[in-house]
Amino acid sequence: MQPDVPSRRWLEMSAVAAEKVGGGKVCAVNSDPIIEREQLSMEAMFEIERHLIREARILDEERLRYWYENYLTEDISYMMPTPVSRYRREQNKPLPGTNPGSGAFMDNYELLGMRITRLETGLVWMEDPQNAIRRFITNIDAEYAEDGSGEVIAYSNFIVYRNRRQRDETITYGQKVDRLRKVDGSWRCCNRVIHMDQRVILDKNVYFFL
């Protein structure tokens, strides 16, 4: 049997559909908007991967003050939006009675510093004795920001295993979207958005850093 080959008519119809979806810009049927953006060199991509993996190790070791001073910019926005689950047919409709900017936390550099200082006091009873936390970072991808600033948008998936005492354990899954900026030869995060895959967070709290 001959393999299925798209007809010319089907290709023409697909191009018309792509034009409507793309807001007037006709794209090739097999085009990928991600591939069409400016991509990082192999060396730069390796730097980003090592940066994110090393950051996870530093957080696992609870070197929070070092992380705060060497991995973040002073204008950072660090947030976890509230997960929303909707029917597909309602994806583009507004959410009545909902604050689109709501989240589990929306921190800046000062607030992150306050959270770390509070942990250092030993008065956060959920974190004393210290929880065993292990972060796994996977599926790292990155591209240059479209504004020509030279900053990088990095995507990564994470798994966080957390154990307290003996039998109190949780596993959290999600994605991080980071905007990274080169400062004095080192990458620093100036914006981080954390998307949890759980509609309802099952952990007792999210008093850990990602």
Protein backbone atom coordinates (compact mmCIF):
# COMPACT_ATOMS: atom_id res chain seq x y z
CA MET A 1 0.00 0.00 0.00
CA GLN A 2 1.10 3.54 -0.69
CA PRO A 3 1.80 5.59 2.43
CA ASP A 4 -0.64 8.40 3.15
CA VAL A 5 0.63 11.57 1.48
CA PRO A 6 -1.11 14.92 2.09
CA SER A 7 -2.79 16.19 -1.06
CA ARG A 8 -2.17 19.66 -2.46
CA ARG A 9 -5.73 20.63 -1.54
CA TRP A 10 -5.15 19.55 2.08
CA LEU A 11 -1.93 21.56 2.24
CA GLU A 12 -3.70 24.64 0.88
CA MET A 13 -6.47 24.29 3.47
CA SER A 14 -3.89 23.90 6.23
CA ALA A 15 -2.08 27.03 5.10
CA VAL A 16 -5.35 28.99 5.22
CA ALA A 17 -6.03 27.69 8.74
CA ALA A 18 -2.50 28.61 9.80
CA GLU A 19 -3.04 32.12 8.44
CA LYS A 20 -6.20 32.56 10.52
CA VAL A 21 -4.61 31.21 13.70
CA GLY A 22 -1.41 33.17 13.17
CA GLY A 23 -3.22 36.49 12.90
CA GLY A 24 -2.60 37.01 9.19
CA LYS A 25 0.87 35.49 8.96
CA VAL A 26 1.06 32.39 6.79
CA CYS A 27 3.40 29.76 8.22
CA ALA A 28 4.63 26.56 6.67
CA VAL A 29 2.50 23.57 7.64
CA ASN A 30 5.36 21.92 9.50
CA SER A 31 6.85 25.10 10.92
CA ASP A 32 7.58 25.34 14.63
CA PRO A 33 7.53 28.88 16.12
CA ILE A 34 9.98 27.77 18.82
CA ILE A 35 12.53 26.58 16.27
CA GLU A 36 12.15 29.84 14.30
CA ARG A 37 13.30 31.95 17.28
CA GLU A 38 16.96 32.69 17.89
CA GLN A 39 18.44 29.62 19.53
CA LEU A 40 21.33 29.38 21.97
CA SER A 41 24.69 28.01 20.93
CA MET A 42 25.74 24.63 22.32
CA GLU A 43 28.10 26.37 24.74
CA ALA A 44 25.40 28.75 26.00
CA MET A 45 22.88 25.93 26.32
CA PHE A 46 25.39 23.92 28.35
CA GLU A 47 25.90 26.94 30.64
CA ILE A 48 22.15 27.22 31.24
CA GLU A 49 21.77 23.50 31.95
CA ARG A 50 24.67 23.49 34.40
CA HIS A 51 23.36 26.66 36.04
CA LEU A 52 19.92 25.17 36.74
CA ILE A 53 21.27 21.81 37.89
CA ARG A 54 23.85 23.45 40.18
CA GLU A 55 21.16 25.74 41.58
CA ALA A 56 19.07 22.69 42.53
CA ARG A 57 22.07 21.19 44.36
CA ILE A 58 22.69 24.42 46.27
CA LEU A 59 19.04 24.51 47.35
CA ASP A 60 19.14 20.82 48.32
CA GLU A 61 22.12 21.60 50.54
CA GLU A 62 20.11 24.51 52.00
CA ARG A 63 22.77 27.09 51.14
CA LEU A 64 19.96 29.58 50.92
CA ARG A 65 21.91 32.72 51.73
CA TYR A 66 24.47 31.89 49.02
CA TRP A 67 21.65 31.21 46.55
CA TYR A 68 19.98 34.50 47.46
CA GLU A 69 23.14 36.56 46.98
CA ASN A 70 24.56 34.82 43.89
CA TYR A 71 21.65 33.44 41.86
CA LEU A 72 19.04 36.21 41.99
CA THR A 73 18.91 39.79 40.74
CA GLU A 74 17.67 42.55 43.02
CA ASP A 75 14.68 43.21 40.73
CA ILE A 76 13.52 39.58 40.73
CA SER A 77 9.86 38.60 40.53
CA TYR A 78 9.34 35.14 42.06
CA MET A 79 5.79 33.82 41.87
CA MET A 80 3.56 30.75 41.85
CA PRO A 81 0.21 31.47 40.13
CA THR A 82 -2.91 29.74 41.38
CA PRO A 83 -3.51 26.61 39.23
CA VAL A 84 -6.73 26.82 37.21
CA SER A 85 -8.41 23.87 35.50
CA ARG A 86 -10.99 24.69 32.83
CA TYR A 87 -12.93 23.04 30.04
CA ARG A 88 -11.16 23.38 26.70
CA ARG A 89 -14.06 25.29 25.16
CA GLU A 90 -13.76 27.93 27.89
CA GLN A 91 -9.99 28.48 27.76
CA ASN A 92 -10.27 31.92 26.16
CA LYS A 93 -13.16 33.17 28.29
CA PRO A 94 -12.55 35.42 31.31
CA LEU A 95 -12.84 33.92 34.77
CA PRO A 96 -15.73 35.68 36.58
CA GLY A 97 -14.98 36.69 40.14
CA THR A 98 -11.34 35.61 39.91
CA ASN A 99 -8.23 37.71 40.40
CA PRO A 100 -5.98 36.85 37.41
CA GLY A 101 -2.93 37.92 39.41
CA SER A 102 -3.57 35.72 42.41
CA GLY A 103 -1.05 33.11 43.48
CA ALA A 104 0.36 31.05 46.32
CA PHE A 105 3.10 33.67 46.60
CA MET A 106 4.34 36.69 44.67
CA ASP A 107 7.71 37.62 46.13
CA ASN A 108 10.40 40.15 45.30
CA TYR A 109 14.03 40.27 46.42
CA GLU A 110 13.20 41.78 49.81
CA LEU A 111 10.46 39.24 50.61
CA LEU A 112 12.68 36.31 49.62
CA GLY A 113 15.35 37.65 51.95
CA MET A 114 12.81 37.85 54.77
CA ARG A 115 11.77 34.24 54.20
CA ILE A 116 15.38 33.09 54.37
CA THR A 117 16.06 35.15 57.50
CA ARG A 118 13.01 33.61 59.16
CA LEU A 119 14.29 30.11 58.38
CA GLU A 120 17.67 31.03 59.86
CA THR A 121 16.04 31.89 63.20
CA GLY A 122 14.99 28.26 63.75
CA LEU A 123 11.45 29.36 64.63
CA VAL A 124 9.76 27.78 61.58
CA TRP A 125 8.57 24.62 63.33
CA MET A 126 7.68 22.81 60.07
CA GLU A 127 11.34 23.14 59.03
CA ASP A 128 12.93 22.23 62.36
CA PRO A 129 14.25 19.56 62.37
CA GLN A 130 15.28 20.23 58.79
CA ASN A 131 13.17 18.49 56.15
CA ALA A 132 14.84 16.19 53.67
CA ILE A 133 14.20 17.82 50.29
CA ARG A 134 15.50 16.56 46.94
CA ARG A 135 14.96 18.45 43.70
CA PHE A 136 15.10 16.83 40.26
CA ILE A 137 15.42 19.14 37.24
CA THR A 138 14.63 17.76 33.76
CA ASN A 139 13.56 18.73 30.23
CA ILE A 140 15.63 21.91 30.17
CA ASP A 141 15.09 24.12 27.14
CA ALA A 142 16.03 27.74 26.53
CA GLU A 143 15.85 30.53 23.98
CA TYR A 144 16.77 34.19 23.80
CA ALA A 145 14.14 36.71 24.89
CA GLU A 146 12.39 38.35 21.96
CA ASP A 147 13.16 41.90 23.12
CA GLY A 148 16.82 41.67 22.07
CA SER A 149 18.09 42.22 25.62
CA GLY A 150 20.36 39.17 25.48
CA GLU A 151 18.47 37.64 28.39
CA VAL A 152 17.42 34.01 28.20
CA ILE A 153 14.05 32.36 28.81
CA ALA A 154 14.70 28.93 30.34
CA TYR A 155 12.10 26.21 30.76
CA SER A 156 12.54 23.23 33.06
CA ASN A 157 10.41 20.58 34.72
CA PHE A 158 10.90 19.65 38.34
CA ILE A 159 10.09 16.95 40.85
CA VAL A 160 10.46 17.75 44.54
CA TYR A 161 10.57 14.94 47.10
CA ARG A 162 10.02 16.11 50.66
CA ASN A 163 10.24 14.04 53.86
CA ARG A 164 9.62 15.17 57.42
CA ARG A 165 10.17 13.01 60.45
CA GLN A 166 9.56 9.40 59.39
CA ARG A 167 6.38 8.90 57.36
CA ASP A 168 5.38 12.42 56.41
CA GLU A 169 6.39 12.65 52.74
CA THR A 170 5.12 14.42 49.64
CA ILE A 171 6.08 14.61 45.96
CA THR A 172 5.41 17.74 43.93
CA TYR A 173 5.60 18.12 40.15
CA GLY A 174 5.64 21.17 37.94
CA GLN A 175 7.46 23.54 35.59
CA LYS A 176 9.65 26.59 36.09
CA VAL A 177 9.89 29.39 33.55
CA ASP A 178 12.92 31.57 34.26
CA ARG A 179 14.26 34.76 32.75
CA LEU A 180 18.02 34.71 33.18
CA ARG A 181 20.36 37.68 32.93
CA LYS A 182 24.16 37.68 32.65
CA VAL A 183 25.62 39.72 35.54
CA ASP A 184 29.41 39.97 35.89
CA GLY A 185 29.86 36.82 33.82
CA SER A 186 27.34 34.71 35.75
CA TRP A 187 23.70 33.91 35.09
CA ARG A 188 21.14 35.26 37.55
CA CYS A 189 17.38 34.86 37.64
CA CYS A 190 15.37 38.08 37.28
CA ASN A 191 11.96 36.43 36.88
CA ARG A 192 10.69 33.01 37.92
CA VAL A 193 7.17 31.65 37.42
CA ILE A 194 6.43 28.27 39.01
CA HIS A 195 3.55 26.23 37.58
CA MET A 196 2.36 23.38 39.77
CA ASP A 197 0.77 20.39 38.05
CA GLN A 198 -1.56 19.86 41.01
CA ARG A 199 -4.80 21.82 40.94
CA VAL A 200 -4.86 21.54 44.73
CA ILE A 201 -1.41 21.48 46.34
CA LEU A 202 -1.32 18.40 48.55
CA ASP A 203 1.68 19.44 50.62
CA LYS A 204 1.08 21.06 54.01
CA ASN A 205 2.91 24.18 52.82
CA VAL A 206 5.19 25.41 50.07
CA TYR A 207 7.85 26.83 52.38
CA PHE A 208 10.68 25.64 50.18
CA PHE A 209 12.49 27.27 47.29
CA LEU A 210 12.57 26.15 43.66
